[in-house]
Amino acid sequence: MSEKLKIKISIADRVYPLTVEQSQEEALRTASKKIDMTIKQFEESYAVRDKQDVLAMCALQFASQTEQKQLEKTAVSEAELAKLKALNELIVKHLD
């Protein structure tokens, strides 16, 4: 069992204490930095009155990126499946 670490993550000028697996620390710190960079970009690009609006837009952007990657992964899998079916048909024809 890996050792738990107590870390503090800062997001949108707020500090969140977390207890995490050692293997998760780097990913959490990187994610925190990406969120803060995205917040900064939104604040510079749009007239934002409320930090909650910026955080909602960040959440939407990250969730849509995740969904897009999943869709692309599914599309690649379907393309690979089609190629495998075509190869299988060629093999079956050759064996007949």
PDB file of N, CA and C in Angstrom:
ATOM      1  N   MET A   1       0.851  -1.175   0.000  1.00  0.00           N
ATOM      2  CA  MET A   1       0.000   0.000   0.000  1.00  0.00           C
ATOM      3  C   MET A   1       0.896   1.237   0.000  1.00  0.00           C
ATOM      4  N   SER A   2       0.626   2.167  -0.899  1.00  0.00           N
ATOM      5  CA  SER A   2       1.488   3.339  -0.988  1.00  0.00           C
ATOM      6  C   SER A   2       1.140   4.354   0.100  1.00  0.00           C
ATOM      7  N   GLU A   3       2.117   5.165   0.375  1.00  0.00           N
ATOM      8  CA  GLU A   3       1.993   6.143   1.440  1.00  0.00           C
ATOM      9  C   GLU A   3       1.148   7.329   0.986  1.00  0.00           C
ATOM     10  N   LYS A   4       0.301   7.818   1.881  1.00  0.00           N
ATOM     11  CA  LYS A   4      -0.536   8.984   1.599  1.00  0.00           C
ATOM     12  C   LYS A   4       0.254  10.249   1.913  1.00  0.00           C
ATOM     13  N   LEU A   5       0.043  11.257   1.077  1.00  0.00           N
ATOM     14  CA  LEU A   5       0.673  12.555   1.283  1.00  0.00           C
ATOM     15  C   LEU A   5      -0.397  13.596   1.568  1.00  0.00           C
ATOM     16  N   LYS A   6      -0.065  14.535   2.412  1.00  0.00           N
ATOM     17  CA  LYS A   6      -0.943  15.676   2.635  1.00  0.00           C
ATOM     18  C   LYS A   6      -0.350  16.831   1.853  1.00  0.00           C
ATOM     19  N   ILE A   7      -1.107  17.294   0.865  1.00  0.00           N
ATOM     20  CA  ILE A   7      -0.628  18.383   0.019  1.00  0.00           C
ATOM     21  C   ILE A   7      -1.664  19.506   0.016  1.00  0.00           C
ATOM     22  N   LYS A   8      -1.234  20.648  -0.466  1.00  0.00           N
ATOM     23  CA  LYS A   8      -2.135  21.779  -0.627  1.00  0.00           C
ATOM     24  C   LYS A   8      -2.108  22.185  -2.090  1.00  0.00           C
ATOM     25  N   ILE A   9      -3.279  22.246  -2.686  1.00  0.00           N
ATOM     26  CA  ILE A   9      -3.434  22.611  -4.083  1.00  0.00           C
ATOM     27  C   ILE A   9      -4.142  23.959  -4.139  1.00  0.00           C
ATOM     28  N   SER A  10      -3.616  24.865  -4.942  1.00  0.00           N
ATOM     29  CA  SER A  10      -4.224  26.186  -5.089  1.00  0.00           C
ATOM     30  C   SER A  10      -4.941  26.256  -6.424  1.00  0.00           C
ATOM     31  N   ILE A  11      -6.226  26.627  -6.366  1.00  0.00           N
ATOM     32  CA  ILE A  11      -7.028  26.823  -7.571  1.00  0.00           C
ATOM     33  C   ILE A  11      -7.818  28.111  -7.385  1.00  0.00           C
ATOM     34  N   ALA A  12      -7.684  29.010  -8.312  1.00  0.00           N
ATOM     35  CA  ALA A  12      -8.419  30.278  -8.293  1.00  0.00           C
ATOM     36  C   ALA A  12      -8.207  31.021  -6.975  1.00  0.00           C
ATOM     37  N   ASP A  13      -6.961  31.089  -6.560  1.00  0.00           N
ATOM     38  CA  ASP A  13      -6.574  31.810  -5.346  1.00  0.00           C
ATOM     39  C   ASP A  13      -7.180  31.235  -4.064  1.00  0.00           C
ATOM     40  N   ARG A  14      -7.563  29.977  -4.105  1.00  0.00           N
ATOM     41  CA  ARG A  14      -8.017  29.277  -2.906  1.00  0.00           C
ATOM     42  C   ARG A  14      -7.155  28.044  -2.718  1.00  0.00           C
ATOM     43  N   VAL A  15      -6.874  27.744  -1.480  1.00  0.00           N
ATOM     44  CA  VAL A  15      -6.023  26.596  -1.171  1.00  0.00           C
ATOM     45  C   VAL A  15      -6.912  25.452  -0.691  1.00  0.00           C
ATOM     46  N   TYR A  16      -6.655  24.276  -1.252  1.00  0.00           N
ATOM     47  CA  TYR A  16      -7.419  23.072  -0.910  1.00  0.00           C
ATOM     48  C   TYR A  16      -6.462  22.018  -0.366  1.00  0.00           C
ATOM     49  N   PRO A  17      -6.590  21.675   0.912  1.00  0.00           N
ATOM     50  CA  PRO A  17      -5.754  20.605   1.458  1.00  0.00           C
ATOM     51  C   PRO A  17      -6.302  19.246   1.013  1.00  0.00           C
ATOM     52  N   LEU A  18      -5.411  18.394   0.550  1.00  0.00           N
ATOM     53  CA  LEU A  18      -5.809  17.073   0.070  1.00  0.00           C
ATOM     54  C   LEU A  18      -4.902  16.001   0.655  1.00  0.00           C
ATOM     55  N   THR A  19      -5.446  14.828   0.838  1.00  0.00           N
ATOM     56  CA  THR A  19      -4.658  13.656   1.189  1.00  0.00           C
ATOM     57  C   THR A  19      -4.731  12.726  -0.019  1.00  0.00           C
ATOM     58  N   VAL A  20      -3.575  12.469  -0.620  1.00  0.00           N
ATOM     59  CA  VAL A  20      -3.545  11.729  -1.880  1.00  0.00           C
ATOM     60  C   VAL A  20      -2.464  10.657  -1.856  1.00  0.00           C
ATOM     61  N   GLU A  21      -2.585   9.738  -2.789  1.00  0.00           N
ATOM     62  CA  GLU A  21      -1.519   8.762  -3.007  1.00  0.00           C
ATOM     63  C   GLU A  21      -0.319   9.498  -3.592  1.00  0.00           C
ATOM     64  N   GLN A  22       0.857   9.042  -3.275  1.00  0.00           N
ATOM     65  CA  GLN A  22       2.069   9.679  -3.782  1.00  0.00           C
ATOM     66  C   GLN A  22       2.075   9.699  -5.307  1.00  0.00           C
ATOM     67  N   SER A  23       1.537   8.661  -5.913  1.00  0.00           N
ATOM     68  CA  SER A  23       1.519   8.566  -7.376  1.00  0.00           C
ATOM     69  C   SER A  23       0.581   9.593  -8.017  1.00  0.00           C
ATOM     70  N   GLN A  24      -0.326  10.181  -7.249  1.00  0.00           N
ATOM     71  CA  GLN A  24      -1.277  11.152  -7.781  1.00  0.00           C
ATOM     72  C   GLN A  24      -0.784  12.596  -7.679  1.00  0.00           C
ATOM     73  N   GLU A  25       0.217  12.835  -6.864  1.00  0.00           N
ATOM     74  CA  GLU A  25       0.625  14.202  -6.555  1.00  0.00           C
ATOM     75  C   GLU A  25       0.981  15.018  -7.806  1.00  0.00           C
ATOM     76  N   GLU A  26       1.840  14.498  -8.638  1.00  0.00           N
ATOM     77  CA  GLU A  26       2.288  15.257  -9.806  1.00  0.00           C
ATOM     78  C   GLU A  26       1.119  15.602 -10.728  1.00  0.00           C
ATOM     79  N   ALA A  27       0.236  14.641 -10.966  1.00  0.00           N
ATOM     80  CA  ALA A  27      -0.909  14.883 -11.845  1.00  0.00           C
ATOM     81  C   ALA A  27      -1.824  15.958 -11.262  1.00  0.00           C
ATOM     82  N   LEU A  28      -2.033  15.938  -9.959  1.00  0.00           N
ATOM     83  CA  LEU A  28      -2.886  16.950  -9.330  1.00  0.00           C
ATOM     84  C   LEU A  28      -2.258  18.334  -9.414  1.00  0.00           C
ATOM     85  N   ARG A  29      -0.969  18.415  -9.190  1.00  0.00           N
ATOM     86  CA  ARG A  29      -0.296  19.715  -9.270  1.00  0.00           C
ATOM     87  C   ARG A  29      -0.314  20.247 -10.711  1.00  0.00           C
ATOM     88  N   THR A  30      -0.112  19.370 -11.672  1.00  0.00           N
ATOM     89  CA  THR A  30      -0.167  19.773 -13.078  1.00  0.00           C
ATOM     90  C   THR A  30      -1.577  20.229 -13.455  1.00  0.00           C
ATOM     91  N   ALA A  31      -2.582  19.489 -13.005  1.00  0.00           N
ATOM     92  CA  ALA A  31      -3.971  19.864 -13.291  1.00  0.00           C
ATOM     93  C   ALA A  31      -4.304  21.220 -12.672  1.00  0.00           C
ATOM     94  N   SER A  32      -3.833  21.448 -11.469  1.00  0.00           N
ATOM     95  CA  SER A  32      -4.064  22.732 -10.798  1.00  0.00           C
ATOM     96  C   SER A  32      -3.473  23.875 -11.612  1.00  0.00           C
ATOM     97  N   LYS A  33      -2.269  23.685 -12.116  1.00  0.00           N
ATOM     98  CA  LYS A  33      -1.621  24.723 -12.925  1.00  0.00           C
ATOM     99  C   LYS A  33      -2.391  24.965 -14.218  1.00  0.00           C
ATOM    100  N   LYS A  34      -2.866  23.897 -14.846  1.00  0.00           N
ATOM    101  CA  LYS A  34      -3.630  24.048 -16.085  1.00  0.00           C
ATOM    102  C   LYS A  34      -4.934  24.809 -15.830  1.00  0.00           C
ATOM    103  N   ILE A  35      -5.583  24.501 -14.725  1.00  0.00           N
ATOM    104  CA  ILE A  35      -6.826  25.208 -14.382  1.00  0.00           C
ATOM    105  C   ILE A  35      -6.544  26.688 -14.188  1.00  0.00           C
ATOM    106  N   ASP A  36      -5.500  27.016 -13.429  1.00  0.00           N
ATOM    107  CA  ASP A  36      -5.169  28.420 -13.194  1.00  0.00           C
ATOM    108  C   ASP A  36      -4.799  29.148 -14.484  1.00  0.00           C
ATOM    109  N   MET A  37      -4.092  28.469 -15.396  1.00  0.00           N
ATOM    110  CA  MET A  37      -3.756  29.082 -16.684  1.00  0.00           C
ATOM    111  C   MET A  37      -5.022  29.328 -17.508  1.00  0.00           C
ATOM    112  N   THR A  38      -5.943  28.383 -17.471  1.00  0.00           N
ATOM    113  CA  THR A  38      -7.189  28.531 -18.215  1.00  0.00           C
ATOM    114  C   THR A  38      -8.029  29.662 -17.629  1.00  0.00           C
ATOM    115  N   ILE A  39      -8.066  29.759 -16.312  1.00  0.00           N
ATOM    116  CA  ILE A  39      -8.779  30.855 -15.657  1.00  0.00           C
ATOM    117  C   ILE A  39      -8.214  32.190 -16.128  1.00  0.00           C
ATOM    118  N   LYS A  40      -6.904  32.294 -16.137  1.00  0.00           N
ATOM    119  CA  LYS A  40      -6.250  33.535 -16.553  1.00  0.00           C
ATOM    120  C   LYS A  40      -6.607  33.881 -17.995  1.00  0.00           C
ATOM    121  N   GLN A  41      -6.611  32.877 -18.874  1.00  0.00           N
ATOM    122  CA  GLN A  41      -6.959  33.117 -20.280  1.00  0.00           C
ATOM    123  C   GLN A  41      -8.397  33.619 -20.413  1.00  0.00           C
ATOM    124  N   PHE A  42      -9.310  32.994 -19.682  1.00  0.00           N
ATOM    125  CA  PHE A  42     -10.709  33.427 -19.747  1.00  0.00           C
ATOM    126  C   PHE A  42     -10.863  34.848 -19.208  1.00  0.00           C
ATOM    127  N   GLU A  43     -10.184  35.158 -18.122  1.00  0.00           N
ATOM    128  CA  GLU A  43     -10.297  36.496 -17.539  1.00  0.00           C
ATOM    129  C   GLU A  43      -9.721  37.559 -18.473  1.00  0.00           C
ATOM    130  N   GLU A  44      -8.664  37.204 -19.206  1.00  0.00           N
ATOM    131  CA  GLU A  44      -8.063  38.153 -20.145  1.00  0.00           C
ATOM    132  C   GLU A  44      -8.896  38.304 -21.423  1.00  0.00           C
ATOM    133  N   SER A  45      -9.591  37.254 -21.811  1.00  0.00           N
ATOM    134  CA  SER A  45     -10.313  37.255 -23.082  1.00  0.00           C
ATOM    135  C   SER A  45     -11.756  37.750 -22.974  1.00  0.00           C
ATOM    136  N   TYR A  46     -12.364  37.584 -21.822  1.00  0.00           N
ATOM    137  CA  TYR A  46     -13.780  37.909 -21.666  1.00  0.00           C
ATOM    138  C   TYR A  46     -13.987  38.810 -20.452  1.00  0.00           C
ATOM    139  N   ALA A  47     -15.040  39.611 -20.522  1.00  0.00           N
ATOM    140  CA  ALA A  47     -15.406  40.452 -19.380  1.00  0.00           C
ATOM    141  C   ALA A  47     -16.145  39.567 -18.375  1.00  0.00           C
ATOM    142  N   VAL A  48     -15.429  39.099 -17.387  1.00  0.00           N
ATOM    143  CA  VAL A  48     -15.999  38.178 -16.413  1.00  0.00           C
ATOM    144  C   VAL A  48     -16.197  38.919 -15.100  1.00  0.00           C
ATOM    145  N   ARG A  49     -17.404  38.824 -14.569  1.00  0.00           N
ATOM    146  CA  ARG A  49     -17.697  39.524 -13.319  1.00  0.00           C
ATOM    147  C   ARG A  49     -17.500  38.639 -12.105  1.00  0.00           C
ATOM    148  N   ASP A  50     -17.643  37.353 -12.292  1.00  0.00           N
ATOM    149  CA  ASP A  50     -17.667  36.448 -11.144  1.00  0.00           C
ATOM    150  C   ASP A  50     -16.693  35.294 -11.378  1.00  0.00           C
ATOM    151  N   LYS A  51     -15.923  34.971 -10.365  1.00  0.00           N
ATOM    152  CA  LYS A  51     -14.969  33.861 -10.450  1.00  0.00           C
ATOM    153  C   LYS A  51     -15.690  32.540 -10.719  1.00  0.00           C
ATOM    154  N   GLN A  52     -16.916  32.402 -10.206  1.00  0.00           N
ATOM    155  CA  GLN A  52     -17.678  31.171 -10.430  1.00  0.00           C
ATOM    156  C   GLN A  52     -17.973  30.979 -11.916  1.00  0.00           C
ATOM    157  N   ASP A  53     -18.219  32.076 -12.634  1.00  0.00           N
ATOM    158  CA  ASP A  53     -18.452  31.977 -14.083  1.00  0.00           C
ATOM    159  C   ASP A  53     -17.213  31.436 -14.786  1.00  0.00           C
ATOM    160  N   VAL A  54     -16.052  31.935 -14.380  1.00  0.00           N
ATOM    161  CA  VAL A  54     -14.798  31.477 -14.980  1.00  0.00           C
ATOM    162  C   VAL A  54     -14.580  30.003 -14.669  1.00  0.00           C
ATOM    163  N   LEU A  55     -14.832  29.606 -13.443  1.00  0.00           N
ATOM    164  CA  LEU A  55     -14.656  28.200 -13.069  1.00  0.00           C
ATOM    165  C   LEU A  55     -15.627  27.301 -13.832  1.00  0.00           C
ATOM    166  N   ALA A  56     -16.843  27.781 -14.060  1.00  0.00           N
ATOM    167  CA  ALA A  56     -17.813  26.997 -14.834  1.00  0.00           C
ATOM    168  C   ALA A  56     -17.333  26.826 -16.267  1.00  0.00           C
ATOM    169  N   MET A  57     -16.776  27.889 -16.853  1.00  0.00           N
ATOM    170  CA  MET A  57     -16.266  27.799 -18.212  1.00  0.00           C
ATOM    171  C   MET A  57     -15.056  26.867 -18.287  1.00  0.00           C
ATOM    172  N   CYS A  58     -14.211  26.894 -17.264  1.00  0.00           N
ATOM    173  CA  CYS A  58     -13.079  25.958 -17.207  1.00  0.00           C
ATOM    174  C   CYS A  58     -13.579  24.517 -17.155  1.00  0.00           C
ATOM    175  N   ALA A  59     -14.550  24.281 -16.299  1.00  0.00           N
ATOM    176  CA  ALA A  59     -15.105  22.930 -16.177  1.00  0.00           C
ATOM    177  C   ALA A  59     -15.686  22.467 -17.508  1.00  0.00           C
ATOM    178  N   LEU A  60     -16.414  23.361 -18.179  1.00  0.00           N
ATOM    179  CA  LEU A  60     -16.989  23.022 -19.484  1.00  0.00           C
ATOM    180  C   LEU A  60     -15.903  22.719 -20.509  1.00  0.00           C
ATOM    181  N   GLN A  61     -14.853  23.523 -20.524  1.00  0.00           N
ATOM    182  CA  GLN A  61     -13.772  23.298 -21.486  1.00  0.00           C
ATOM    183  C   GLN A  61     -13.088  21.967 -21.236  1.00  0.00           C
ATOM    184  N   PHE A  62     -12.737  21.670 -19.984  1.00  0.00           N
ATOM    185  CA  PHE A  62     -12.051  20.414 -19.690  1.00  0.00           C
ATOM    186  C   PHE A  62     -12.956  19.204 -19.941  1.00  0.00           C
ATOM    187  N   ALA A  63     -14.238  19.333 -19.595  1.00  0.00           N
ATOM    188  CA  ALA A  63     -15.168  18.221 -19.836  1.00  0.00           C
ATOM    189  C   ALA A  63     -15.362  17.991 -21.333  1.00  0.00           C
ATOM    190  N   SER A  64     -15.449  19.070 -22.109  1.00  0.00           N
ATOM    191  CA  SER A  64     -15.640  18.900 -23.554  1.00  0.00           C
ATOM    192  C   SER A  64     -14.398  18.302 -24.205  1.00  0.00           C
ATOM    193  N   GLN A  65     -13.212  18.657 -23.701  1.00  0.00           N
ATOM    194  CA  GLN A  65     -11.986  18.048 -24.226  1.00  0.00           C
ATOM    195  C   GLN A  65     -11.976  16.546 -23.951  1.00  0.00           C
ATOM    196  N   THR A  66     -12.402  16.165 -22.756  1.00  0.00           N
ATOM    197  CA  THR A  66     -12.468  14.748 -22.397  1.00  0.00           C
ATOM    198  C   THR A  66     -13.452  14.013 -23.296  1.00  0.00           C
ATOM    199  N   GLU A  67     -14.621  14.611 -23.510  1.00  0.00           N
ATOM    200  CA  GLU A  67     -15.631  13.992 -24.369  1.00  0.00           C
ATOM    201  C   GLU A  67     -15.133  13.878 -25.806  1.00  0.00           C
ATOM    202  N   GLN A  68     -14.457  14.907 -26.299  1.00  0.00           N
ATOM    203  CA  GLN A  68     -13.940  14.889 -27.666  1.00  0.00           C
ATOM    204  C   GLN A  68     -12.910  13.772 -27.836  1.00  0.00           C
ATOM    205  N   LYS A  69     -12.034  13.626 -26.854  1.00  0.00           N
ATOM    206  CA  LYS A  69     -11.035  12.556 -26.924  1.00  0.00           C
ATOM    207  C   LYS A  69     -11.705  11.185 -26.922  1.00  0.00           C
ATOM    208  N   GLN A  70     -12.764  11.042 -26.131  1.00  0.00           N
ATOM    209  CA  GLN A  70     -13.484   9.772 -26.086  1.00  0.00           C
ATOM    210  C   GLN A  70     -14.140   9.479 -27.437  1.00  0.00           C
ATOM    211  N   LEU A  71     -14.729  10.515 -28.050  1.00  0.00           N
ATOM    212  CA  LEU A  71     -15.344  10.335 -29.365  1.00  0.00           C
ATOM    213  C   LEU A  71     -14.306   9.954 -30.421  1.00  0.00           C
ATOM    214  N   GLU A  72     -13.147  10.619 -30.369  1.00  0.00           N
ATOM    215  CA  GLU A  72     -12.081  10.303 -31.314  1.00  0.00           C
ATOM    216  C   GLU A  72     -11.572   8.885 -31.109  1.00  0.00           C
ATOM    217  N   LYS A  73     -11.460   8.473 -29.855  1.00  0.00           N
ATOM    218  CA  LYS A  73     -11.006   7.117 -29.540  1.00  0.00           C
ATOM    219  C   LYS A  73     -11.995   6.098 -30.084  1.00  0.00           C
ATOM    220  N   THR A  74     -13.281   6.380 -29.930  1.00  0.00           N
ATOM    221  CA  THR A  74     -14.315   5.480 -30.442  1.00  0.00           C
ATOM    222  C   THR A  74     -14.255   5.410 -31.963  1.00  0.00           C
ATOM    223  N   ALA A  75     -14.051   6.559 -32.604  1.00  0.00           N
ATOM    224  CA  ALA A  75     -13.979   6.594 -34.066  1.00  0.00           C
ATOM    225  C   ALA A  75     -12.785   5.785 -34.559  1.00  0.00           C
ATOM    226  N   VAL A  76     -11.649   5.905 -33.877  1.00  0.00           N
ATOM    227  CA  VAL A  76     -10.462   5.140 -34.265  1.00  0.00           C
ATOM    228  C   VAL A  76     -10.740   3.655 -34.071  1.00  0.00           C
ATOM    229  N   SER A  77     -11.372   3.288 -32.983  1.00  0.00           N
ATOM    230  CA  SER A  77     -11.680   1.884 -32.737  1.00  0.00           C
ATOM    231  C   SER A  77     -12.598   1.332 -33.816  1.00  0.00           C
ATOM    232  N   GLU A  78     -13.580   2.114 -34.238  1.00  0.00           N
ATOM    233  CA  GLU A  78     -14.494   1.669 -35.290  1.00  0.00           C
ATOM    234  C   GLU A  78     -13.751   1.506 -36.609  1.00  0.00           C
ATOM    235  N   ALA A  79     -12.832   2.408 -36.903  1.00  0.00           N
ATOM    236  CA  ALA A  79     -12.047   2.305 -38.137  1.00  0.00           C
ATOM    237  C   ALA A  79     -11.161   1.056 -38.094  1.00  0.00           C
ATOM    238  N   GLU A  80     -10.549   0.802 -36.943  1.00  0.00           N
ATOM    239  CA  GLU A  80      -9.710  -0.395 -36.799  1.00  0.00           C
ATOM    240  C   GLU A  80     -10.554  -1.654 -36.936  1.00  0.00           C
ATOM    241  N   LEU A  81     -11.742  -1.632 -36.362  1.00  0.00           N
ATOM    242  CA  LEU A  81     -12.637  -2.781 -36.461  1.00  0.00           C
ATOM    243  C   LEU A  81     -13.022  -3.044 -37.919  1.00  0.00           C
ATOM    244  N   ALA A  82     -13.292  -1.993 -38.669  1.00  0.00           N
ATOM    245  CA  ALA A  82     -13.640  -2.142 -40.083  1.00  0.00           C
ATOM    246  C   ALA A  82     -12.474  -2.753 -40.859  1.00  0.00           C
ATOM    247  N   LYS A  83     -11.258  -2.317 -40.569  1.00  0.00           N
ATOM    248  CA  LYS A  83     -10.080  -2.880 -41.234  1.00  0.00           C
ATOM    249  C   LYS A  83      -9.902  -4.354 -40.881  1.00  0.00           C
ATOM    250  N   LEU A  84     -10.123  -4.696 -39.618  1.00  0.00           N
ATOM    251  CA  LEU A  84      -9.992  -6.092 -39.206  1.00  0.00           C
ATOM    252  C   LEU A  84     -11.044  -6.969 -39.880  1.00  0.00           C
ATOM    253  N   LYS A  85     -12.255  -6.450 -40.013  1.00  0.00           N
ATOM    254  CA  LYS A  85     -13.309  -7.208 -40.693  1.00  0.00           C
ATOM    255  C   LYS A  85     -12.943  -7.437 -42.162  1.00  0.00           C
ATOM    256  N   ALA A  86     -12.405  -6.392 -42.797  1.00  0.00           N
ATOM    257  CA  ALA A  86     -12.002  -6.514 -44.204  1.00  0.00           C
ATOM    258  C   ALA A  86     -10.888  -7.536 -44.353  1.00  0.00           C
ATOM    259  N   LEU A  87      -9.910  -7.515 -43.446  1.00  0.00           N
ATOM    260  CA  LEU A  87      -8.828  -8.500 -43.484  1.00  0.00           C
ATOM    261  C   LEU A  87      -9.369  -9.907 -43.264  1.00  0.00           C
ATOM    262  N   ASN A  88     -10.301 -10.032 -42.343  1.00  0.00           N
ATOM    263  CA  ASN A  88     -10.898 -11.335 -42.065  1.00  0.00           C
ATOM    264  C   ASN A  88     -11.620 -11.872 -43.302  1.00  0.00           C
ATOM    265  N   GLU A  89     -12.333 -10.993 -43.991  1.00  0.00           N
ATOM    266  CA  GLU A  89     -13.039 -11.409 -45.205  1.00  0.00           C
ATOM    267  C   GLU A  89     -12.041 -11.870 -46.274  1.00  0.00           C
ATOM    268  N   LEU A  90     -10.928 -11.178 -46.417  1.00  0.00           N
ATOM    269  CA  LEU A  90      -9.896 -11.576 -47.374  1.00  0.00           C
ATOM    270  C   LEU A  90      -9.328 -12.945 -47.030  1.00  0.00           C
ATOM    271  N   ILE A  91      -9.097 -13.177 -45.760  1.00  0.00           N
ATOM    272  CA  ILE A  91      -8.554 -14.473 -45.317  1.00  0.00           C
ATOM    273  C   ILE A  91      -9.552 -15.584 -45.590  1.00  0.00           C
ATOM    274  N   VAL A  92     -10.818 -15.329 -45.261  1.00  0.00           N
ATOM    275  CA  VAL A  92     -11.860 -16.342 -45.488  1.00  0.00           C
ATOM    276  C   VAL A  92     -11.970 -16.647 -46.985  1.00  0.00           C
ATOM    277  N   LYS A  93     -11.952 -15.613 -47.833  1.00  0.00           N
ATOM    278  CA  LYS A  93     -12.020 -15.829 -49.293  1.00  0.00           C
ATOM    279  C   LYS A  93     -10.819 -16.635 -49.771  1.00  0.00           C
ATOM    280  N   HIS A  94      -9.652 -16.330 -49.241  1.00  0.00           N
ATOM    281  CA  HIS A  94      -8.435 -17.016 -49.651  1.00  0.00           C
ATOM    282  C   HIS A  94      -8.481 -18.499 -49.239  1.00  0.00           C
ATOM    283  N   LEU A  95      -9.026 -18.778 -48.086  1.00  0.00           N
ATOM    284  CA  LEU A  95      -9.097 -20.141 -47.596  1.00  0.00           C
ATOM    285  C   LEU A  95     -10.160 -20.978 -48.291  1.00  0.00           C
ATOM    286  N   ASP A  96     -11.154 -20.310 -48.851  1.00  0.00           N
ATOM    287  CA  ASP A  96     -12.229 -21.057 -49.552  1.00  0.00           C
ATOM    288  C   ASP A  96     -11.803 -21.527 -50.861  1.00  0.00           C
TER     289      ASP A  96
END
